[in-house]
Each structure stands twice: as structure tokens, then as C-alpha cells.
Amino acid sequence: MTERKPAGVSFESWVDKQIREAQERGEFDNLPGAGKPLPGLHKPYDELWWVRQKMATEGLSADAMLPESIRLRKEIGELPDKVRALPAERLVREAVSELNRRIAEWLRAPSGPHVPVAPVDADEVVARWRESRRRPPAPEPAPEPAKRRRWWRR
């Protein structure tokens, strides 16, 4: 395919000739994926298919593409669920202080869309954490089996 198109030959006929000669030489035989359907052919067209595919292969979530202010706001909303599994109050306070540090950095030099973000009150988060650990979920009572009446004992 290093040869140049000769002068006076139309581009289409020159390309068609190149393809025909490659087929005759067998260069298209036994290609990977031959005879298999195209992946994603049944899916609707998506302009950002390559971004989604790259994120899937790299193991990234869509949160990595969000602006910092929205990402911080989302983390504030998810904070109670995140700290619920932590075993000690010190770890809860460390998680809150790390989030507050990142919030303070963003407040010093905001970028992207301005979404109101304020530091989180560590004492309030710890109080909620304690409350969630104090109350174990009550087990549901087992339903009593229904008594069946026999037809001859009416």
C-alpha cells in the first residue's frame, strides 16, 4: 500500500484495484472477528461511545468526569452511608476532615459551575454515626402459620 496513485486514474478505481488485489492475495482471509456480528450493532447510536468504552476498560466511574463542585456535593450526600461502616469515631472524624479539606481547597479557588458547597459539621456526622450504631435494626417477627380448618370440623 506504499505505492502512489498514478496520474490520470480516478481515486475510486485505484482504491478498488488495491482492494481487489489484496483479496486475490488472501490478505483479508482469517481476520480476527471474521463472520461475527459487529459489537453494539443493536444499540442506539451514541456519540460518546468511545468515552464510555474507555471508562469501562479503565475501570472508571462517570463521577470522575464531573466538575469538582458537583463531585463534592455528591460526596456530602453520600457521607452518612460512607461513615456508617467505619468502626471508630476517630476514623469518622478523619473522613469528615478530609472532605472538609477538599471543600476548603475548592472554596479558595472555585472552578466549573458554582454549586453551593459548605464544610460539613463533624460533630453532627459523628452524632448520626453514633445513633446508627446504637439502634440495631429490629428483626421482623416471623409470620404465624395460618391455621387450616378441616372440612369435617365445621
N, C-alpha and C. Protein backbone atom coordinates (compact mmCIF):
# COMPACT_ATOMS: atom_id res chain seq x y z
N MET A 1 0.83 -1.19 0.00
CA MET A 1 0.00 0.00 0.00
C MET A 1 0.87 1.24 0.00
N THR A 2 2.15 1.11 -0.28
CA THR A 2 3.04 2.27 -0.27
C THR A 2 3.10 2.95 -1.62
N GLU A 3 2.54 2.31 -2.63
CA GLU A 3 2.62 2.94 -3.95
C GLU A 3 1.65 4.12 -4.03
N ARG A 4 1.97 5.06 -4.86
CA ARG A 4 1.15 6.27 -5.03
C ARG A 4 0.14 6.06 -6.14
N LYS A 5 -0.91 6.83 -6.07
CA LYS A 5 -1.93 6.77 -7.11
C LYS A 5 -1.35 7.34 -8.39
N PRO A 6 -1.42 6.57 -9.49
CA PRO A 6 -0.89 7.09 -10.75
C PRO A 6 -1.73 8.25 -11.27
N ALA A 7 -1.10 9.13 -11.95
CA ALA A 7 -1.81 10.28 -12.53
C ALA A 7 -2.76 9.79 -13.61
N GLY A 8 -3.92 10.42 -13.70
CA GLY A 8 -4.88 10.07 -14.73
C GLY A 8 -5.83 8.96 -14.34
N VAL A 9 -5.63 8.33 -13.19
CA VAL A 9 -6.52 7.26 -12.73
C VAL A 9 -7.39 7.85 -11.63
N SER A 10 -8.69 7.60 -11.71
CA SER A 10 -9.57 8.14 -10.68
C SER A 10 -9.28 7.44 -9.35
N PHE A 11 -9.54 8.17 -8.28
CA PHE A 11 -9.23 7.66 -6.94
C PHE A 11 -10.02 6.39 -6.65
N GLU A 12 -11.32 6.38 -7.04
CA GLU A 12 -12.15 5.22 -6.75
C GLU A 12 -11.64 3.98 -7.47
N SER A 13 -11.31 4.08 -8.73
CA SER A 13 -10.85 2.90 -9.45
C SER A 13 -9.50 2.42 -8.92
N TRP A 14 -8.66 3.32 -8.47
CA TRP A 14 -7.36 2.94 -7.93
C TRP A 14 -7.55 2.20 -6.60
N VAL A 15 -8.45 2.69 -5.73
CA VAL A 15 -8.71 2.04 -4.45
C VAL A 15 -9.37 0.68 -4.68
N ASP A 16 -10.32 0.63 -5.60
CA ASP A 16 -10.97 -0.64 -5.91
C ASP A 16 -9.96 -1.67 -6.40
N LYS A 17 -9.01 -1.24 -7.19
CA LYS A 17 -7.96 -2.14 -7.70
C LYS A 17 -7.09 -2.64 -6.55
N GLN A 18 -6.75 -1.75 -5.61
CA GLN A 18 -5.94 -2.14 -4.46
C GLN A 18 -6.68 -3.20 -3.62
N ILE A 19 -7.97 -2.98 -3.39
CA ILE A 19 -8.76 -3.93 -2.59
C ILE A 19 -8.88 -5.27 -3.31
N ARG A 20 -9.15 -5.24 -4.59
CA ARG A 20 -9.28 -6.49 -5.35
C ARG A 20 -7.99 -7.28 -5.32
N GLU A 21 -6.83 -6.62 -5.50
CA GLU A 21 -5.55 -7.32 -5.49
C GLU A 21 -5.25 -7.91 -4.10
N ALA A 22 -5.64 -7.17 -3.02
CA ALA A 22 -5.42 -7.67 -1.67
C ALA A 22 -6.30 -8.89 -1.41
N GLN A 23 -7.52 -8.90 -1.94
CA GLN A 23 -8.40 -10.06 -1.80
C GLN A 23 -7.82 -11.26 -2.55
N GLU A 24 -7.29 -11.03 -3.72
CA GLU A 24 -6.69 -12.12 -4.50
C GLU A 24 -5.48 -12.71 -3.80
N ARG A 25 -4.72 -11.86 -3.11
CA ARG A 25 -3.55 -12.35 -2.37
C ARG A 25 -3.96 -13.03 -1.07
N GLY A 26 -5.23 -12.90 -0.65
CA GLY A 26 -5.71 -13.55 0.57
C GLY A 26 -5.42 -12.76 1.84
N GLU A 27 -5.20 -11.46 1.72
CA GLU A 27 -4.87 -10.66 2.90
C GLU A 27 -6.08 -10.43 3.81
N PHE A 28 -7.28 -10.67 3.30
CA PHE A 28 -8.48 -10.49 4.13
C PHE A 28 -8.98 -11.81 4.71
N ASP A 29 -8.28 -12.91 4.45
CA ASP A 29 -8.69 -14.21 4.96
C ASP A 29 -8.25 -14.35 6.42
N ASN A 30 -9.07 -15.02 7.22
CA ASN A 30 -8.78 -15.35 8.62
C ASN A 30 -8.47 -14.12 9.48
N LEU A 31 -9.17 -13.05 9.25
CA LEU A 31 -9.02 -11.88 10.12
C LEU A 31 -9.73 -12.12 11.45
N PRO A 32 -9.25 -11.55 12.56
CA PRO A 32 -9.95 -11.74 13.83
C PRO A 32 -11.35 -11.13 13.75
N GLY A 33 -12.33 -11.87 14.24
CA GLY A 33 -13.71 -11.38 14.23
C GLY A 33 -14.44 -11.66 12.94
N ALA A 34 -13.82 -12.38 12.01
CA ALA A 34 -14.47 -12.66 10.72
C ALA A 34 -15.68 -13.55 10.95
N GLY A 35 -16.80 -13.18 10.36
CA GLY A 35 -18.02 -13.96 10.48
C GLY A 35 -18.80 -13.69 11.74
N LYS A 36 -18.31 -12.81 12.60
CA LYS A 36 -19.02 -12.48 13.84
C LYS A 36 -19.74 -11.15 13.67
N PRO A 37 -20.87 -10.97 14.39
CA PRO A 37 -21.58 -9.69 14.26
C PRO A 37 -20.77 -8.55 14.88
N LEU A 38 -21.02 -7.36 14.39
CA LEU A 38 -20.34 -6.19 14.93
C LEU A 38 -20.82 -5.93 16.36
N PRO A 39 -19.91 -5.66 17.31
CA PRO A 39 -20.35 -5.43 18.68
C PRO A 39 -21.12 -4.11 18.78
N GLY A 40 -22.23 -4.14 19.52
CA GLY A 40 -23.02 -2.93 19.73
C GLY A 40 -23.85 -2.51 18.54
N LEU A 41 -24.04 -3.40 17.58
CA LEU A 41 -24.79 -3.05 16.38
C LEU A 41 -26.26 -2.81 16.67
N HIS A 42 -26.81 -3.52 17.67
CA HIS A 42 -28.23 -3.38 18.01
C HIS A 42 -28.50 -2.20 18.94
N LYS A 43 -27.47 -1.57 19.48
CA LYS A 43 -27.65 -0.45 20.41
C LYS A 43 -27.91 0.84 19.64
N PRO A 44 -28.63 1.79 20.27
CA PRO A 44 -28.83 3.08 19.60
C PRO A 44 -27.52 3.83 19.48
N TYR A 45 -27.45 4.74 18.51
CA TYR A 45 -26.21 5.48 18.26
C TYR A 45 -25.89 6.38 19.45
N ASP A 46 -24.65 6.37 19.86
CA ASP A 46 -24.18 7.18 20.96
C ASP A 46 -22.90 7.88 20.52
N GLU A 47 -22.90 9.21 20.54
CA GLU A 47 -21.74 9.95 20.08
C GLU A 47 -20.52 9.72 20.97
N LEU A 48 -20.75 9.46 22.23
CA LEU A 48 -19.64 9.30 23.17
C LEU A 48 -19.38 7.83 23.49
N TRP A 49 -19.62 6.95 22.53
CA TRP A 49 -19.41 5.53 22.77
C TRP A 49 -17.97 5.22 23.13
N TRP A 50 -17.04 5.93 22.53
CA TRP A 50 -15.62 5.66 22.78
C TRP A 50 -15.23 6.10 24.19
N VAL A 51 -15.86 7.16 24.71
CA VAL A 51 -15.57 7.60 26.08
C VAL A 51 -16.07 6.55 27.07
N ARG A 52 -17.30 6.07 26.85
CA ARG A 52 -17.86 5.05 27.74
C ARG A 52 -17.05 3.76 27.67
N GLN A 53 -16.60 3.39 26.49
CA GLN A 53 -15.79 2.18 26.35
C GLN A 53 -14.46 2.33 27.06
N LYS A 54 -13.82 3.48 26.92
CA LYS A 54 -12.53 3.72 27.58
C LYS A 54 -12.69 3.71 29.10
N MET A 55 -13.77 4.33 29.59
CA MET A 55 -14.01 4.34 31.04
C MET A 55 -14.24 2.92 31.57
N ALA A 56 -14.95 2.11 30.79
CA ALA A 56 -15.20 0.73 31.21
C ALA A 56 -13.91 -0.08 31.23
N THR A 57 -13.05 0.10 30.22
CA THR A 57 -11.80 -0.67 30.20
C THR A 57 -10.84 -0.20 31.28
N GLU A 58 -10.89 1.09 31.64
CA GLU A 58 -10.01 1.62 32.68
C GLU A 58 -10.59 1.43 34.08
N GLY A 59 -11.85 1.00 34.16
CA GLY A 59 -12.47 0.80 35.46
C GLY A 59 -12.85 2.10 36.16
N LEU A 60 -13.15 3.14 35.40
CA LEU A 60 -13.51 4.43 35.98
C LEU A 60 -15.02 4.58 36.03
N SER A 61 -15.48 5.43 36.96
CA SER A 61 -16.91 5.73 37.01
C SER A 61 -17.14 7.09 36.37
N ALA A 62 -18.39 7.39 36.10
CA ALA A 62 -18.72 8.67 35.47
C ALA A 62 -18.48 9.83 36.41
N ASP A 63 -18.38 9.57 37.71
CA ASP A 63 -18.11 10.64 38.68
C ASP A 63 -16.77 11.32 38.43
N ALA A 64 -15.84 10.62 37.84
CA ALA A 64 -14.52 11.20 37.58
C ALA A 64 -14.60 12.34 36.58
N MET A 65 -15.67 12.39 35.78
CA MET A 65 -15.80 13.42 34.77
C MET A 65 -16.61 14.63 35.26
N LEU A 66 -17.19 14.53 36.46
CA LEU A 66 -17.99 15.64 36.99
C LEU A 66 -17.11 16.80 37.40
N PRO A 67 -17.62 18.02 37.36
CA PRO A 67 -16.88 19.16 37.91
C PRO A 67 -16.70 18.97 39.42
N GLU A 68 -15.66 19.58 39.96
CA GLU A 68 -15.30 19.38 41.36
C GLU A 68 -16.44 19.77 42.31
N SER A 69 -17.14 20.86 42.02
CA SER A 69 -18.19 21.31 42.93
C SER A 69 -19.33 20.28 43.00
N ILE A 70 -19.69 19.72 41.89
CA ILE A 70 -20.77 18.73 41.87
C ILE A 70 -20.30 17.44 42.53
N ARG A 71 -19.04 17.07 42.30
CA ARG A 71 -18.49 15.87 42.93
C ARG A 71 -18.48 16.01 44.46
N LEU A 72 -18.08 17.20 44.94
CA LEU A 72 -18.08 17.43 46.38
C LEU A 72 -19.49 17.38 46.96
N ARG A 73 -20.44 17.99 46.27
CA ARG A 73 -21.82 17.98 46.73
C ARG A 73 -22.35 16.55 46.80
N LYS A 74 -21.98 15.73 45.83
CA LYS A 74 -22.41 14.33 45.82
C LYS A 74 -21.77 13.56 46.98
N GLU A 75 -20.49 13.84 47.27
CA GLU A 75 -19.83 13.17 48.38
C GLU A 75 -20.43 13.56 49.72
N ILE A 76 -20.88 14.81 49.85
CA ILE A 76 -21.54 15.25 51.09
C ILE A 76 -22.83 14.45 51.28
N GLY A 77 -23.57 14.24 50.22
CA GLY A 77 -24.80 13.45 50.31
C GLY A 77 -24.55 11.99 50.64
N GLU A 78 -23.42 11.44 50.18
CA GLU A 78 -23.11 10.04 50.41
C GLU A 78 -22.32 9.80 51.70
N LEU A 79 -21.97 10.88 52.40
CA LEU A 79 -21.12 10.76 53.60
C LEU A 79 -21.74 9.88 54.69
N PRO A 80 -23.03 10.01 55.03
CA PRO A 80 -23.58 9.13 56.08
C PRO A 80 -23.45 7.64 55.75
N ASP A 81 -23.65 7.28 54.51
CA ASP A 81 -23.51 5.87 54.12
C ASP A 81 -22.05 5.43 54.17
N LYS A 82 -21.15 6.34 53.84
CA LYS A 82 -19.72 6.02 53.82
C LYS A 82 -19.20 5.78 55.24
N VAL A 83 -19.60 6.63 56.19
CA VAL A 83 -19.06 6.52 57.55
C VAL A 83 -19.79 5.47 58.38
N ARG A 84 -20.94 5.00 57.93
CA ARG A 84 -21.70 4.02 58.71
C ARG A 84 -20.90 2.75 58.95
N ALA A 85 -20.07 2.37 58.01
CA ALA A 85 -19.31 1.13 58.13
C ALA A 85 -18.01 1.30 58.91
N LEU A 86 -17.64 2.54 59.25
CA LEU A 86 -16.38 2.76 59.97
C LEU A 86 -16.51 2.32 61.42
N PRO A 87 -15.46 1.66 61.97
CA PRO A 87 -15.58 1.09 63.31
C PRO A 87 -15.32 2.06 64.47
N ALA A 88 -14.64 3.19 64.22
CA ALA A 88 -14.26 4.08 65.33
C ALA A 88 -14.60 5.52 65.00
N GLU A 89 -14.88 6.29 66.06
CA GLU A 89 -15.22 7.70 65.90
C GLU A 89 -14.07 8.49 65.29
N ARG A 90 -12.85 8.12 65.64
CA ARG A 90 -11.66 8.80 65.10
C ARG A 90 -11.64 8.69 63.57
N LEU A 91 -11.98 7.52 63.04
CA LEU A 91 -11.99 7.33 61.59
C LEU A 91 -13.10 8.15 60.93
N VAL A 92 -14.23 8.30 61.62
CA VAL A 92 -15.33 9.11 61.09
C VAL A 92 -14.87 10.57 61.01
N ARG A 93 -14.24 11.05 62.08
CA ARG A 93 -13.76 12.44 62.09
C ARG A 93 -12.68 12.67 61.02
N GLU A 94 -11.83 11.67 60.81
CA GLU A 94 -10.80 11.79 59.77
C GLU A 94 -11.44 11.88 58.38
N ALA A 95 -12.46 11.08 58.14
CA ALA A 95 -13.15 11.12 56.84
C ALA A 95 -13.80 12.48 56.62
N VAL A 96 -14.42 13.02 57.67
CA VAL A 96 -15.07 14.33 57.55
C VAL A 96 -14.03 15.42 57.36
N SER A 97 -12.91 15.34 58.10
CA SER A 97 -11.89 16.39 57.95
C SER A 97 -11.24 16.35 56.56
N GLU A 98 -11.08 15.16 55.99
CA GLU A 98 -10.53 15.05 54.63
C GLU A 98 -11.48 15.69 53.62
N LEU A 99 -12.77 15.42 53.77
CA LEU A 99 -13.76 16.03 52.88
C LEU A 99 -13.79 17.54 53.06
N ASN A 100 -13.74 18.00 54.30
CA ASN A 100 -13.73 19.44 54.57
C ASN A 100 -12.48 20.11 54.01
N ARG A 101 -11.35 19.41 54.03
CA ARG A 101 -10.12 19.96 53.45
C ARG A 101 -10.29 20.18 51.95
N ARG A 102 -10.87 19.19 51.28
CA ARG A 102 -11.09 19.32 49.84
C ARG A 102 -12.11 20.41 49.52
N ILE A 103 -13.12 20.55 50.38
CA ILE A 103 -14.12 21.61 50.19
C ILE A 103 -13.45 22.97 50.34
N ALA A 104 -12.58 23.12 51.35
CA ALA A 104 -11.89 24.39 51.58
C ALA A 104 -10.98 24.73 50.40
N GLU A 105 -10.31 23.73 49.83
CA GLU A 105 -9.47 23.97 48.64
C GLU A 105 -10.31 24.48 47.48
N TRP A 106 -11.48 23.88 47.28
CA TRP A 106 -12.33 24.33 46.19
C TRP A 106 -12.86 25.73 46.45
N LEU A 107 -13.21 26.04 47.71
CA LEU A 107 -13.73 27.37 48.02
C LEU A 107 -12.68 28.46 47.81
N ARG A 108 -11.40 28.12 48.01
CA ARG A 108 -10.32 29.10 47.78
C ARG A 108 -10.17 29.43 46.31
N ALA A 109 -10.32 28.44 45.46
CA ALA A 109 -10.17 28.66 44.01
C ALA A 109 -11.26 27.89 43.29
N PRO A 110 -12.50 28.40 43.29
CA PRO A 110 -13.59 27.66 42.65
C PRO A 110 -13.42 27.59 41.14
N SER A 111 -13.81 26.47 40.59
CA SER A 111 -13.77 26.30 39.14
C SER A 111 -15.02 25.53 38.73
N GLY A 112 -15.38 25.66 37.49
CA GLY A 112 -16.56 24.97 37.00
C GLY A 112 -17.83 25.66 37.43
N PRO A 113 -18.95 24.98 37.32
CA PRO A 113 -20.22 25.61 37.71
C PRO A 113 -20.24 25.86 39.21
N HIS A 114 -20.82 26.98 39.59
CA HIS A 114 -20.88 27.32 41.01
C HIS A 114 -22.08 26.64 41.64
N VAL A 115 -21.80 25.62 42.41
CA VAL A 115 -22.82 24.90 43.16
C VAL A 115 -22.51 25.18 44.63
N PRO A 116 -23.49 25.63 45.41
CA PRO A 116 -23.20 25.94 46.80
C PRO A 116 -22.71 24.71 47.56
N VAL A 117 -21.50 24.83 48.11
CA VAL A 117 -20.89 23.76 48.88
C VAL A 117 -20.35 24.38 50.15
N ALA A 118 -20.67 23.79 51.28
CA ALA A 118 -20.18 24.29 52.56
C ALA A 118 -19.54 23.14 53.32
N PRO A 119 -18.60 23.46 54.21
CA PRO A 119 -17.98 22.40 55.02
C PRO A 119 -19.02 21.66 55.85
N VAL A 120 -18.71 20.41 56.16
CA VAL A 120 -19.61 19.54 56.90
C VAL A 120 -19.28 19.64 58.39
N ASP A 121 -20.31 19.66 59.22
CA ASP A 121 -20.13 19.70 60.67
C ASP A 121 -19.77 18.30 61.15
N ALA A 122 -18.55 18.13 61.66
CA ALA A 122 -18.07 16.81 62.08
C ALA A 122 -18.87 16.29 63.26
N ASP A 123 -19.24 17.17 64.21
CA ASP A 123 -19.99 16.72 65.38
C ASP A 123 -21.36 16.16 64.98
N GLU A 124 -22.00 16.78 64.00
CA GLU A 124 -23.30 16.30 63.54
C GLU A 124 -23.17 14.93 62.87
N VAL A 125 -22.13 14.77 62.07
CA VAL A 125 -21.91 13.48 61.40
C VAL A 125 -21.62 12.39 62.43
N VAL A 126 -20.82 12.72 63.46
CA VAL A 126 -20.50 11.75 64.50
C VAL A 126 -21.76 11.39 65.28
N ALA A 127 -22.61 12.39 65.56
CA ALA A 127 -23.85 12.10 66.30
C ALA A 127 -24.74 11.16 65.49
N ARG A 128 -24.85 11.40 64.19
CA ARG A 128 -25.65 10.49 63.34
C ARG A 128 -25.03 9.11 63.29
N TRP A 129 -23.69 9.07 63.24
CA TRP A 129 -22.98 7.79 63.21
C TRP A 129 -23.25 7.01 64.49
N ARG A 130 -23.17 7.68 65.65
CA ARG A 130 -23.46 7.02 66.92
C ARG A 130 -24.89 6.50 66.96
N GLU A 131 -25.82 7.33 66.50
CA GLU A 131 -27.22 6.93 66.51
C GLU A 131 -27.46 5.70 65.64
N SER A 132 -26.80 5.64 64.49
CA SER A 132 -26.99 4.48 63.61
C SER A 132 -26.37 3.22 64.21
N ARG A 133 -25.34 3.37 65.05
CA ARG A 133 -24.69 2.22 65.67
C ARG A 133 -25.43 1.79 66.94
N ARG A 134 -26.12 2.72 67.57
CA ARG A 134 -26.82 2.43 68.82
C ARG A 134 -28.06 1.58 68.56
N ARG A 135 -28.76 1.89 67.51
CA ARG A 135 -30.01 1.19 67.21
C ARG A 135 -29.77 0.10 66.18
N PRO A 136 -29.63 -1.15 66.61
CA PRO A 136 -29.56 -2.20 65.57
C PRO A 136 -30.94 -2.36 64.96
N PRO A 137 -31.00 -2.69 63.71
CA PRO A 137 -32.31 -2.86 63.07
C PRO A 137 -33.09 -3.98 63.75
N ALA A 138 -34.35 -3.69 64.07
CA ALA A 138 -35.19 -4.68 64.74
C ALA A 138 -35.52 -5.81 63.77
N PRO A 139 -35.38 -7.05 64.24
CA PRO A 139 -35.73 -8.16 63.35
C PRO A 139 -37.23 -8.22 63.16
N GLU A 140 -37.62 -8.57 61.98
CA GLU A 140 -39.05 -8.67 61.68
C GLU A 140 -39.60 -9.94 62.31
N PRO A 141 -40.77 -9.84 62.93
CA PRO A 141 -41.34 -11.06 63.52
C PRO A 141 -41.76 -12.04 62.43
N ALA A 142 -41.55 -13.30 62.75
CA ALA A 142 -41.90 -14.34 61.78
C ALA A 142 -43.42 -14.47 61.72
N PRO A 143 -43.97 -14.55 60.54
CA PRO A 143 -45.44 -14.67 60.45
C PRO A 143 -45.88 -16.04 60.98
N GLU A 144 -46.99 -16.03 61.70
CA GLU A 144 -47.52 -17.27 62.23
C GLU A 144 -48.18 -18.05 61.10
N PRO A 145 -48.00 -19.35 61.13
CA PRO A 145 -48.65 -20.14 60.08
C PRO A 145 -50.17 -20.08 60.24
N ALA A 146 -50.84 -20.00 59.16
CA ALA A 146 -52.30 -19.93 59.18
C ALA A 146 -52.86 -21.29 59.59
N LYS A 147 -53.86 -21.24 60.47
CA LYS A 147 -54.49 -22.48 60.91
C LYS A 147 -55.47 -22.92 59.85
N ARG A 148 -55.34 -24.16 59.50
CA ARG A 148 -56.25 -24.71 58.50
C ARG A 148 -57.36 -25.47 59.19
N ARG A 149 -58.52 -25.20 58.76
CA ARG A 149 -59.67 -25.93 59.31
C ARG A 149 -59.99 -27.10 58.42
N ARG A 150 -60.21 -28.17 59.04
CA ARG A 150 -60.58 -29.36 58.28
C ARG A 150 -62.06 -29.28 57.89
N TRP A 151 -62.41 -29.81 56.79
CA TRP A 151 -63.77 -29.68 56.30
C TRP A 151 -64.76 -30.44 57.19
N TRP A 152 -64.29 -31.49 57.88
CA TRP A 152 -65.24 -32.25 58.71
C TRP A 152 -65.39 -31.68 60.10
N ARG A 153 -64.62 -30.61 60.45
CA ARG A 153 -64.76 -29.97 61.76
C ARG A 153 -65.30 -28.57 61.60
N ARG A 154 -66.47 -28.45 61.14
CA ARG A 154 -67.05 -27.13 60.94
C ARG A 154 -67.75 -26.69 62.15
